[in-house]
Amino acid sequence: MAEGIQWSPYREKMRELIDQISVREIKEWKGQDIRAAGEFKTQEAYGGLKAYSADKVEKVALGDFLVRGEIHYGLCTIIPAEAYDVPFFISRWDEREKEIILLVDLMPTVDSLIDEGYRKKYFDSIQPLWERFASLPGICPEENDAIRSLCSIIYTAAQVPIDKEGMRLAALAPHTEYLKAYLNFLKEAMPIEDEAKRKEIKRKREAIRETLNMDYRELLKGPMGKALGSPISELMVHMFF
């Protein structure tokens, strides 16, 4: 076991920011009671996963858990309400004794290579953040092809080596800074009036969710799912995607 590690305050720092949009915890999602995931402990893992509602948002999900005292996983997703074109917010955290593997992105709900206005609105404005974190040690492309196909042009992924003091907080910075920018987009978001655009967004939303759902179900067939056990692993996919 990796004893004595001061794990990063992933859930706490993300929750501090999410509270800006006055979230309300939800105990049931699509007819399923999700309270068992709120705080849990199995033979190999313990942590907490919660979901929330908010204005302009279909669902916010946030949580983290420690597996065998060796791996600290964190996850945050924000899915906007259907009436808005705001991207999906995705934050994935995999922290170990000597390395942190991360991904954070605003996943576009339209074809942002074609829709110049969307790209300028959401991604050009975040370009300075992307440039800021491009020098983070361990920066690299997202390895999963399916997930990478969903990402925007400003996603940040890395395998950050923990080789000196302060690297855990340095790895956390892209998540909190992207989240700050995302929450500002939410606050300013206006409903989409164009019916064709709304249909396009609905199709892309469904594709994003299906891919994320399938990817995490596959991931949970491995050691992570075994450590979490059922029903927590099933609840996680249900809550986050």
Protein backbone atom coordinates (compact mmCIF):
# COMPACT_ATOMS: atom_id res chain seq x y z
CA MET A 1 0.00 0.00 0.00
CA ALA A 2 1.08 3.56 -0.70
CA GLU A 3 1.01 4.63 2.94
CA GLY A 4 1.52 8.21 3.97
CA ILE A 5 0.49 9.78 0.66
CA GLN A 6 -1.35 13.08 0.91
CA TRP A 7 -3.88 12.47 -1.87
CA SER A 8 -5.04 15.48 -3.87
CA PRO A 9 -8.26 17.18 -2.71
CA TYR A 10 -9.93 16.49 -6.07
CA ARG A 11 -13.55 16.21 -4.94
CA GLU A 12 -13.31 19.05 -2.44
CA LYS A 13 -11.82 21.56 -4.90
CA MET A 14 -14.25 20.65 -7.67
CA ARG A 15 -17.24 20.86 -5.32
CA GLU A 16 -16.21 24.33 -4.12
CA LEU A 17 -16.51 25.58 -7.69
CA ILE A 18 -19.66 23.65 -8.57
CA ASP A 19 -21.41 25.22 -5.59
CA GLN A 20 -21.33 28.50 -7.55
CA ILE A 21 -24.29 27.29 -9.62
CA SER A 22 -26.36 26.40 -6.53
CA VAL A 23 -26.55 22.67 -7.10
CA ARG A 24 -29.15 20.54 -5.37
CA GLU A 25 -28.33 16.94 -4.53
CA ILE A 26 -30.60 14.37 -6.14
CA LYS A 27 -31.25 10.96 -4.60
CA GLU A 28 -32.93 9.32 -7.56
CA TRP A 29 -32.02 9.35 -11.25
CA LYS A 30 -34.32 8.01 -13.94
CA GLY A 31 -36.25 5.91 -11.49
CA GLN A 32 -33.25 4.44 -9.71
CA ASP A 33 -32.26 5.17 -6.12
CA ILE A 34 -28.62 6.35 -6.15
CA ARG A 35 -28.13 7.04 -2.45
CA ALA A 36 -26.03 3.89 -1.91
CA ALA A 37 -23.20 5.50 -3.90
CA GLY A 38 -23.16 8.66 -1.79
CA GLU A 39 -20.69 7.24 0.71
CA PHE A 40 -19.58 3.62 0.34
CA LYS A 41 -16.99 1.14 1.52
CA THR A 42 -16.18 -2.26 0.05
CA GLN A 43 -13.37 -4.67 0.89
CA GLU A 44 -11.06 -2.89 -1.56
CA ALA A 45 -12.44 0.63 -2.05
CA TYR A 46 -14.13 3.51 -0.32
CA GLY A 47 -15.37 6.92 -1.38
CA GLY A 48 -18.44 8.83 -2.47
CA LEU A 49 -20.30 9.57 -5.70
CA LYS A 50 -23.15 12.08 -5.84
CA ALA A 51 -25.37 13.67 -8.47
CA TYR A 52 -26.91 17.12 -8.49
CA SER A 53 -29.36 19.25 -10.41
CA ALA A 54 -29.03 22.95 -11.24
CA ASP A 55 -30.45 25.62 -13.50
CA LYS A 56 -29.54 25.08 -17.19
CA VAL A 57 -28.13 21.66 -16.27
CA GLU A 58 -29.55 18.20 -16.72
CA LYS A 59 -27.15 16.66 -14.24
CA VAL A 60 -23.89 17.26 -12.40
CA ALA A 61 -22.06 14.21 -11.07
CA LEU A 62 -18.97 14.31 -8.89
CA GLY A 63 -17.08 11.81 -6.82
CA ASP A 64 -13.87 10.09 -5.91
CA PHE A 65 -12.76 6.84 -4.33
CA LEU A 66 -9.59 5.13 -3.15
CA VAL A 67 -8.80 1.59 -4.32
CA ARG A 68 -6.65 -0.67 -2.11
CA GLY A 69 -5.09 2.45 -0.63
CA GLU A 70 -3.04 2.76 -3.82
CA ILE A 71 -5.09 4.52 -6.51
CA HIS A 72 -7.22 7.63 -6.07
CA TYR A 73 -9.86 7.91 -8.80
CA GLY A 74 -11.94 11.02 -9.40
CA LEU A 75 -14.63 11.85 -11.93
CA CYS A 76 -16.78 14.87 -12.70
CA THR A 77 -19.31 15.27 -15.50
CA ILE A 78 -21.68 18.13 -16.22
CA ILE A 79 -24.38 17.55 -18.80
CA PRO A 80 -26.23 20.74 -19.81
CA ALA A 81 -29.98 20.82 -20.29
CA GLU A 82 -31.12 19.95 -23.82
CA ALA A 83 -32.17 23.50 -24.63
CA TYR A 84 -28.56 24.74 -24.52
CA ASP A 85 -25.59 24.23 -26.82
CA VAL A 86 -23.05 24.27 -23.98
CA PRO A 87 -20.48 21.45 -24.26
CA PHE A 88 -20.29 18.53 -21.84
CA PHE A 89 -17.74 18.99 -19.06
CA ILE A 90 -15.61 15.89 -18.49
CA SER A 91 -12.92 15.52 -15.85
CA ARG A 92 -11.13 12.21 -15.19
CA TRP A 93 -8.55 11.72 -12.44
CA ASP A 94 -6.30 8.68 -11.82
CA GLU A 95 -3.79 9.39 -9.06
CA ARG A 96 -1.07 7.02 -7.91
CA GLU A 97 1.99 7.26 -5.72
CA LYS A 98 4.31 8.43 -8.50
CA GLU A 99 2.00 9.47 -11.34
CA ILE A 100 -1.31 11.14 -12.12
CA ILE A 101 -3.12 10.29 -15.34
CA LEU A 102 -5.70 12.91 -16.25
CA LEU A 103 -8.12 14.17 -18.86
CA VAL A 104 -10.21 17.33 -18.77
CA ASP A 105 -12.26 18.71 -21.64
CA LEU A 106 -15.32 20.55 -22.85
CA MET A 107 -16.76 18.02 -25.30
CA PRO A 108 -18.57 19.83 -28.15
CA THR A 109 -22.22 19.08 -28.82
CA VAL A 110 -21.91 20.11 -32.48
CA ASP A 111 -19.30 19.56 -35.18
CA SER A 112 -17.00 22.32 -34.00
CA LEU A 113 -14.72 21.99 -37.03
CA ILE A 114 -17.62 23.17 -39.20
CA ASP A 115 -19.45 25.47 -36.79
CA GLU A 116 -17.01 28.37 -36.57
CA GLY A 117 -19.24 30.40 -34.26
CA TYR A 118 -19.41 27.56 -31.75
CA ARG A 119 -15.66 27.06 -31.90
CA LYS A 120 -14.96 30.74 -31.29
CA LYS A 121 -17.52 30.96 -28.51
CA TYR A 122 -16.39 27.99 -26.47
CA PHE A 123 -12.89 26.98 -27.51
CA ASP A 124 -11.01 29.99 -28.81
CA SER A 125 -11.71 31.72 -25.51
CA ILE A 126 -10.16 28.80 -23.60
CA GLN A 127 -7.12 28.61 -25.86
CA PRO A 128 -4.98 30.56 -23.35
CA LEU A 129 -5.75 27.91 -20.71
CA TRP A 130 -4.78 25.13 -23.09
CA GLU A 131 -1.53 26.95 -23.88
CA ARG A 132 -0.87 27.47 -20.18
CA PHE A 133 -1.15 23.76 -19.42
CA ALA A 134 0.64 22.60 -22.57
CA SER A 135 3.90 22.81 -20.62
CA LEU A 136 2.62 20.59 -17.79
CA PRO A 137 5.11 17.72 -17.33
CA GLY A 138 3.80 14.52 -18.89
CA ILE A 139 1.40 16.21 -21.32
CA CYS A 140 0.34 13.68 -23.96
CA PRO A 141 -2.57 12.73 -26.25
CA GLU A 142 -5.56 10.85 -24.82
CA GLU A 143 -4.82 7.17 -25.42
CA ASN A 144 -8.39 5.93 -25.85
CA ASP A 145 -9.38 6.39 -29.51
CA ALA A 146 -13.12 6.46 -28.81
CA ILE A 147 -12.79 9.10 -26.10
CA ARG A 148 -10.32 11.15 -28.14
CA SER A 149 -12.83 11.26 -31.01
CA LEU A 150 -15.26 13.08 -28.72
CA CYS A 151 -12.77 15.63 -27.43
CA SER A 152 -12.49 19.26 -28.42
CA ILE A 153 -9.38 20.87 -29.85
CA ILE A 154 -8.47 22.23 -26.40
CA TYR A 155 -8.61 19.08 -24.29
CA THR A 156 -5.80 18.53 -21.80
CA ALA A 157 -4.48 15.04 -21.09
CA ALA A 158 -1.32 14.08 -19.27
CA GLN A 159 0.61 11.46 -17.33
CA VAL A 160 2.14 13.73 -14.73
CA PRO A 161 5.17 12.36 -12.84
CA ILE A 162 5.09 13.04 -9.11
CA ASP A 163 8.76 13.71 -8.73
CA LYS A 164 8.76 16.84 -6.61
CA GLU A 165 6.69 18.86 -4.17
CA GLY A 166 3.64 20.55 -5.62
CA MET A 167 3.09 18.28 -8.62
CA ARG A 168 -0.21 16.92 -7.33
CA LEU A 169 -1.71 20.40 -7.13
CA ALA A 170 -0.13 21.30 -10.48
CA ALA A 171 -1.94 18.33 -12.04
CA LEU A 172 -5.21 19.42 -10.43
CA ALA A 173 -5.01 22.97 -11.83
CA PRO A 174 -6.30 22.16 -15.37
CA HIS A 175 -9.45 20.62 -13.87
CA THR A 176 -10.30 23.57 -11.67
CA GLU A 177 -9.40 26.20 -14.28
CA TYR A 178 -11.37 24.54 -17.07
CA LEU A 179 -14.29 24.14 -14.66
CA LYS A 180 -14.22 27.86 -13.79
CA ALA A 181 -14.42 28.74 -17.49
CA TYR A 182 -17.18 26.19 -18.06
CA LEU A 183 -19.33 27.54 -15.24
CA ASN A 184 -19.09 31.01 -16.76
CA PHE A 185 -20.37 29.60 -20.06
CA LEU A 186 -23.31 28.06 -18.19
CA LYS A 187 -24.18 31.31 -16.47
CA GLU A 188 -24.30 33.14 -19.82
CA ALA A 189 -26.04 30.37 -21.80
CA MET A 190 -29.29 31.14 -23.61
CA PRO A 191 -31.74 28.57 -25.01
CA ILE A 192 -31.25 27.57 -28.64
CA GLU A 193 -34.23 28.66 -30.73
CA ASP A 194 -33.28 27.11 -34.08
CA GLU A 195 -35.01 23.72 -34.37
CA ALA A 196 -32.44 22.24 -36.77
CA LYS A 197 -29.62 23.18 -34.41
CA ARG A 198 -31.47 21.64 -31.48
CA LYS A 199 -31.85 18.37 -33.39
CA GLU A 200 -28.15 18.38 -34.26
CA ILE A 201 -27.22 18.94 -30.64
CA LYS A 202 -29.56 16.18 -29.47
CA ARG A 203 -27.94 13.66 -31.85
CA LYS A 204 -24.43 14.62 -30.74
CA ARG A 205 -25.40 14.47 -27.05
CA GLU A 206 -26.73 10.96 -27.48
CA ALA A 207 -23.55 9.88 -29.28
CA ILE A 208 -21.32 11.31 -26.54
CA ARG A 209 -23.28 9.61 -23.78
CA GLU A 210 -23.39 6.28 -25.55
CA THR A 211 -19.63 6.29 -26.12
CA LEU A 212 -18.80 7.31 -22.55
CA ASN A 213 -21.25 4.76 -21.19
CA MET A 214 -19.75 1.94 -23.24
CA ASP A 215 -16.19 2.97 -22.42
CA TYR A 216 -16.76 3.00 -18.66
CA ARG A 217 -18.69 -0.26 -18.70
CA GLU A 218 -15.69 -1.82 -20.41
CA LEU A 219 -13.34 -0.26 -17.87
CA LEU A 220 -15.42 -1.60 -14.99
CA LYS A 221 -14.91 -5.16 -16.21
CA GLY A 222 -11.37 -4.84 -14.88
CA PRO A 223 -9.83 -4.32 -11.43
CA MET A 224 -11.66 -1.04 -10.80
CA GLY A 225 -15.09 -2.66 -11.16
CA LYS A 226 -14.04 -5.59 -9.00
CA ALA A 227 -12.85 -3.23 -6.27
CA LEU A 228 -16.05 -1.18 -6.35
CA GLY A 229 -18.31 -4.21 -6.56
CA SER A 230 -21.94 -4.24 -7.54
CA PRO A 231 -24.13 -2.21 -7.32
CA ILE A 232 -21.68 0.71 -6.89
CA SER A 233 -20.02 0.18 -10.28
CA GLU A 234 -23.41 0.10 -12.02
CA LEU A 235 -24.58 3.16 -10.14
CA MET A 236 -21.46 5.05 -11.21
CA VAL A 237 -22.18 4.64 -14.92
CA HIS A 238 -25.88 5.43 -14.34
CA MET A 239 -25.09 8.60 -12.39
CA PHE A 240 -22.25 10.05 -14.47
CA PHE A 241 -23.41 9.44 -18.02
